[in-house]
Amino acid sequence: MRVLVEALRDRGLRVWWDPHITVGGGFRSEIEAAIAASTLVLVCWTPTSVASEFVREEASAARAGGKYFPILLKQAELPIGFREANALKLASWDPFGADQSALD
């Protein structure tokens, strides 16, 4: 995940990533504010994120705001309600430019 964030930043994009949230009870409002302020929300699906109620909740908020952009980082079956959108498959993507086939 860190590699993807760095690759986006290297291309001049501003990225907010949830490991930067503060510890404590205010994290939900911080995430809601970040989603509301965003232009696009990349939801990175993996087996772990598919199982997370928090990620599904955040993805729902992004979709409701018309900002949902799904990325499949590892092979996983998307949760019910998210299967209708095609996810960009980046499992074999090389962020350093050698393999662009995942972006074709």
C-alpha atoms as a PDB file:
ATOM      1  CA  MET A   1       0.000   0.000   0.000  1.00  0.00           C
ATOM      2  CA  ARG A   2       2.798   2.373   0.881  1.00  0.00           C
ATOM      3  CA  VAL A   3       4.298   1.861  -2.599  1.00  0.00           C
ATOM      4  CA  LEU A   4       1.026   2.868  -4.246  1.00  0.00           C
ATOM      5  CA  VAL A   5       0.754   5.998  -2.084  1.00  0.00           C
ATOM      6  CA  GLU A   6       4.347   6.972  -2.879  1.00  0.00           C
ATOM      7  CA  ALA A   7       3.817   6.364  -6.608  1.00  0.00           C
ATOM      8  CA  LEU A   8       0.752   8.640  -6.614  1.00  0.00           C
ATOM      9  CA  ARG A   9       2.587  11.334  -4.676  1.00  0.00           C
ATOM     10  CA  ASP A  10       5.565  11.061  -7.044  1.00  0.00           C
ATOM     11  CA  ARG A  11       3.156  11.935  -9.836  1.00  0.00           C
ATOM     12  CA  GLY A  12       2.091  15.112  -8.061  1.00  0.00           C
ATOM     13  CA  LEU A  13      -1.150  13.887  -6.499  1.00  0.00           C
ATOM     14  CA  ARG A  14      -2.159  14.825  -2.989  1.00  0.00           C
ATOM     15  CA  VAL A  15      -2.898  11.659  -1.002  1.00  0.00           C
ATOM     16  CA  TRP A  16      -4.527  11.212   2.382  1.00  0.00           C
ATOM     17  CA  TRP A  17      -4.014   7.731   3.762  1.00  0.00           C
ATOM     18  CA  ASP A  18      -5.705   6.412   6.886  1.00  0.00           C
ATOM     19  CA  PRO A  19      -2.539   5.357   8.766  1.00  0.00           C
ATOM     20  CA  HIS A  20      -2.238   9.076   9.429  1.00  0.00           C
ATOM     21  CA  ILE A  21      -5.383   9.174  11.555  1.00  0.00           C
ATOM     22  CA  THR A  22      -5.044  10.192  15.149  1.00  0.00           C
ATOM     23  CA  VAL A  23      -5.459   7.653  17.910  1.00  0.00           C
ATOM     24  CA  GLY A  24      -8.664   7.964  19.889  1.00  0.00           C
ATOM     25  CA  GLY A  25     -12.381   8.261  19.460  1.00  0.00           C
ATOM     26  CA  GLY A  26     -12.316  10.940  16.751  1.00  0.00           C
ATOM     27  CA  PHE A  27     -10.996   8.752  13.976  1.00  0.00           C
ATOM     28  CA  ARG A  28     -14.409   8.213  12.377  1.00  0.00           C
ATOM     29  CA  SER A  29     -15.040  11.933  11.987  1.00  0.00           C
ATOM     30  CA  GLU A  30     -11.498  12.386  10.659  1.00  0.00           C
ATOM     31  CA  ILE A  31     -12.098   9.723   7.998  1.00  0.00           C
ATOM     32  CA  GLU A  32     -15.510  11.203   7.133  1.00  0.00           C
ATOM     33  CA  ALA A  33     -13.919  14.636   6.708  1.00  0.00           C
ATOM     34  CA  ALA A  34     -11.183  13.209   4.474  1.00  0.00           C
ATOM     35  CA  ILE A  35     -13.748  11.449   2.276  1.00  0.00           C
ATOM     36  CA  ALA A  36     -15.887  14.599   2.064  1.00  0.00           C
ATOM     37  CA  ALA A  37     -12.866  16.729   1.108  1.00  0.00           C
ATOM     38  CA  SER A  38     -11.599  14.307  -1.527  1.00  0.00           C
ATOM     39  CA  THR A  39     -12.122  14.369  -5.251  1.00  0.00           C
ATOM     40  CA  LEU A  40     -11.649  10.611  -5.584  1.00  0.00           C
ATOM     41  CA  VAL A  41     -11.449   7.774  -3.071  1.00  0.00           C
ATOM     42  CA  LEU A  42      -9.298   4.808  -4.040  1.00  0.00           C
ATOM     43  CA  VAL A  43     -10.630   1.792  -2.166  1.00  0.00           C
ATOM     44  CA  CYS A  44      -7.900  -0.821  -2.127  1.00  0.00           C
ATOM     45  CA  TRP A  45      -9.485  -4.249  -1.871  1.00  0.00           C
ATOM     46  CA  THR A  46      -7.548  -7.189  -0.456  1.00  0.00           C
ATOM     47  CA  PRO A  47      -8.794 -10.218   1.491  1.00  0.00           C
ATOM     48  CA  THR A  48      -8.183  -8.219   4.678  1.00  0.00           C
ATOM     49  CA  SER A  49     -10.034  -5.077   3.549  1.00  0.00           C
ATOM     50  CA  VAL A  50     -12.959  -7.126   2.196  1.00  0.00           C
ATOM     51  CA  ALA A  51     -13.389  -8.565   5.701  1.00  0.00           C
ATOM     52  CA  SER A  52     -13.262  -5.143   7.361  1.00  0.00           C
ATOM     53  CA  GLU A  53     -16.576  -3.522   8.252  1.00  0.00           C
ATOM     54  CA  PHE A  54     -14.753  -0.183   8.487  1.00  0.00           C
ATOM     55  CA  VAL A  55     -13.438  -0.402   4.914  1.00  0.00           C
ATOM     56  CA  ARG A  56     -16.869  -1.381   3.604  1.00  0.00           C
ATOM     57  CA  GLU A  57     -18.392   1.556   5.481  1.00  0.00           C
ATOM     58  CA  GLU A  58     -15.811   3.955   4.039  1.00  0.00           C
ATOM     59  CA  ALA A  59     -16.306   2.514   0.545  1.00  0.00           C
ATOM     60  CA  SER A  60     -20.063   3.015   0.914  1.00  0.00           C
ATOM     61  CA  ALA A  61     -19.543   6.661   1.866  1.00  0.00           C
ATOM     62  CA  ALA A  62     -17.243   7.161  -1.116  1.00  0.00           C
ATOM     63  CA  ARG A  63     -19.726   5.499  -3.463  1.00  0.00           C
ATOM     64  CA  ALA A  64     -22.616   7.595  -2.101  1.00  0.00           C
ATOM     65  CA  GLY A  65     -20.551  10.709  -2.807  1.00  0.00           C
ATOM     66  CA  GLY A  66     -19.730   9.591  -6.354  1.00  0.00           C
ATOM     67  CA  LYS A  67     -16.027   9.281  -5.473  1.00  0.00           C
ATOM     68  CA  TYR A  68     -15.574   5.502  -5.336  1.00  0.00           C
ATOM     69  CA  PHE A  69     -12.704   4.068  -7.397  1.00  0.00           C
ATOM     70  CA  PRO A  70     -12.003   0.398  -6.582  1.00  0.00           C
ATOM     71  CA  ILE A  71      -8.557  -1.139  -6.837  1.00  0.00           C
ATOM     72  CA  LEU A  72      -7.885  -4.838  -6.383  1.00  0.00           C
ATOM     73  CA  LEU A  73      -4.421  -5.188  -4.827  1.00  0.00           C
ATOM     74  CA  LYS A  74      -4.701  -8.917  -4.106  1.00  0.00           C
ATOM     75  CA  GLN A  75      -7.120 -11.510  -5.419  1.00  0.00           C
ATOM     76  CA  ALA A  76     -10.326 -11.231  -3.400  1.00  0.00           C
ATOM     77  CA  GLU A  77     -14.043 -11.429  -3.984  1.00  0.00           C
ATOM     78  CA  LEU A  78     -15.491  -7.984  -3.492  1.00  0.00           C
ATOM     79  CA  PRO A  79     -18.226  -7.597  -0.882  1.00  0.00           C
ATOM     80  CA  ILE A  80     -21.888  -7.662  -1.839  1.00  0.00           C
ATOM     81  CA  GLY A  81     -22.838  -4.240  -3.095  1.00  0.00           C
ATOM     82  CA  PHE A  82     -19.424  -3.551  -4.629  1.00  0.00           C
ATOM     83  CA  ARG A  83     -19.229  -6.270  -7.283  1.00  0.00           C
ATOM     84  CA  GLU A  84     -21.033  -4.281  -9.951  1.00  0.00           C
ATOM     85  CA  ALA A  85     -18.076  -1.919 -10.443  1.00  0.00           C
ATOM     86  CA  ASN A  86     -14.971  -3.111 -12.226  1.00  0.00           C
ATOM     87  CA  ALA A  87     -11.918  -2.886 -10.008  1.00  0.00           C
ATOM     88  CA  LEU A  88      -8.543  -1.913 -11.434  1.00  0.00           C
ATOM     89  CA  LYS A  89      -6.323  -4.936 -10.868  1.00  0.00           C
ATOM     90  CA  LEU A  90      -2.886  -3.904  -9.599  1.00  0.00           C
ATOM     91  CA  ALA A  91      -1.682  -7.212  -8.135  1.00  0.00           C
ATOM     92  CA  SER A  92       1.147  -7.465 -10.688  1.00  0.00           C
ATOM     93  CA  TRP A  93       1.766  -3.724 -11.078  1.00  0.00           C
ATOM     94  CA  ASP A  94       5.343  -2.505 -10.832  1.00  0.00           C
ATOM     95  CA  PRO A  95       5.184   1.041  -9.450  1.00  0.00           C
ATOM     96  CA  PHE A  96       8.658   1.747 -10.773  1.00  0.00           C
ATOM     97  CA  GLY A  97       7.588   1.462 -14.394  1.00  0.00           C
ATOM     98  CA  ALA A  98       9.015  -1.855 -15.537  1.00  0.00           C
ATOM     99  CA  ASP A  99       5.617  -3.589 -15.795  1.00  0.00           C
ATOM    100  CA  GLN A 100       2.718  -1.445 -16.956  1.00  0.00           C
ATOM    101  CA  SER A 101       0.577  -4.400 -18.115  1.00  0.00           C
ATOM    102  CA  ALA A 102      -1.751  -4.072 -15.118  1.00  0.00           C
ATOM    103  CA  LEU A 103      -2.591  -0.567 -16.266  1.00  0.00           C
ATOM    104  CA  ASP A 104      -3.414  -1.493 -19.891  1.00  0.00           C
END
